[in-house]
Amino acid sequence: MIRPLLFAAALIAGSAAAHGTDPEFVARSSRSLWPEPLGSVAAFDRASRAEILVFAAALAAAIKPDEAALMRQFHIAQADTASVQKVAKRLFGRLLDNYAIARASCDVGDVFCDPIANGDGLSAAGRAIADQLPERMRPWYGEAREFHQTLFADRARRL
């Protein structure tokens, strides 16, 4: 069976860099920080769910309701809040769909397997995992969080 390509799995499996318009803002990620092997569908899906949750939390933290806040956050001269909200809504939809696909391989007691019904639930679960991670996952989490914040900032600057 061919598994669908999960958005977040691509980030784990081999992201090199996402370059922004300013060399100060470059998103980099190292798959070597993920502390578990990716040799099975269940392991791949677990890593995907984790990345999706971290990205959802970073996305929720990045979107601001007003133009001035967006301009400060993303270091830009002008912001289009409607475009940012539209992109964020579309991304939350994709993240939610991919989370549901990756959740299909969950076993009882598996991590990152809570049922989630909407984007708010996804970002809340993403914020909650920071407090629940075992020590061996903290280096991955720190870099993943920074990567997703920088990646979305880059996307927002291009709108």
Foldseek 3Di string as FASTA:
>chain_A
DDADDAPQLVVLVDDAWDDFPDNVQIFGAYNVLALDDPPDLLSSLLSSLLLLLLLLQLLVVQQDQDFVSNCVLLVHPTADNVVSVVVSQVSFVSSLVSNVSSLVSDDVPDPSNDDDDGSVSSNVVSVVVQVVDDPSNVVNSVSSNSNSNSVSSRVRNVD
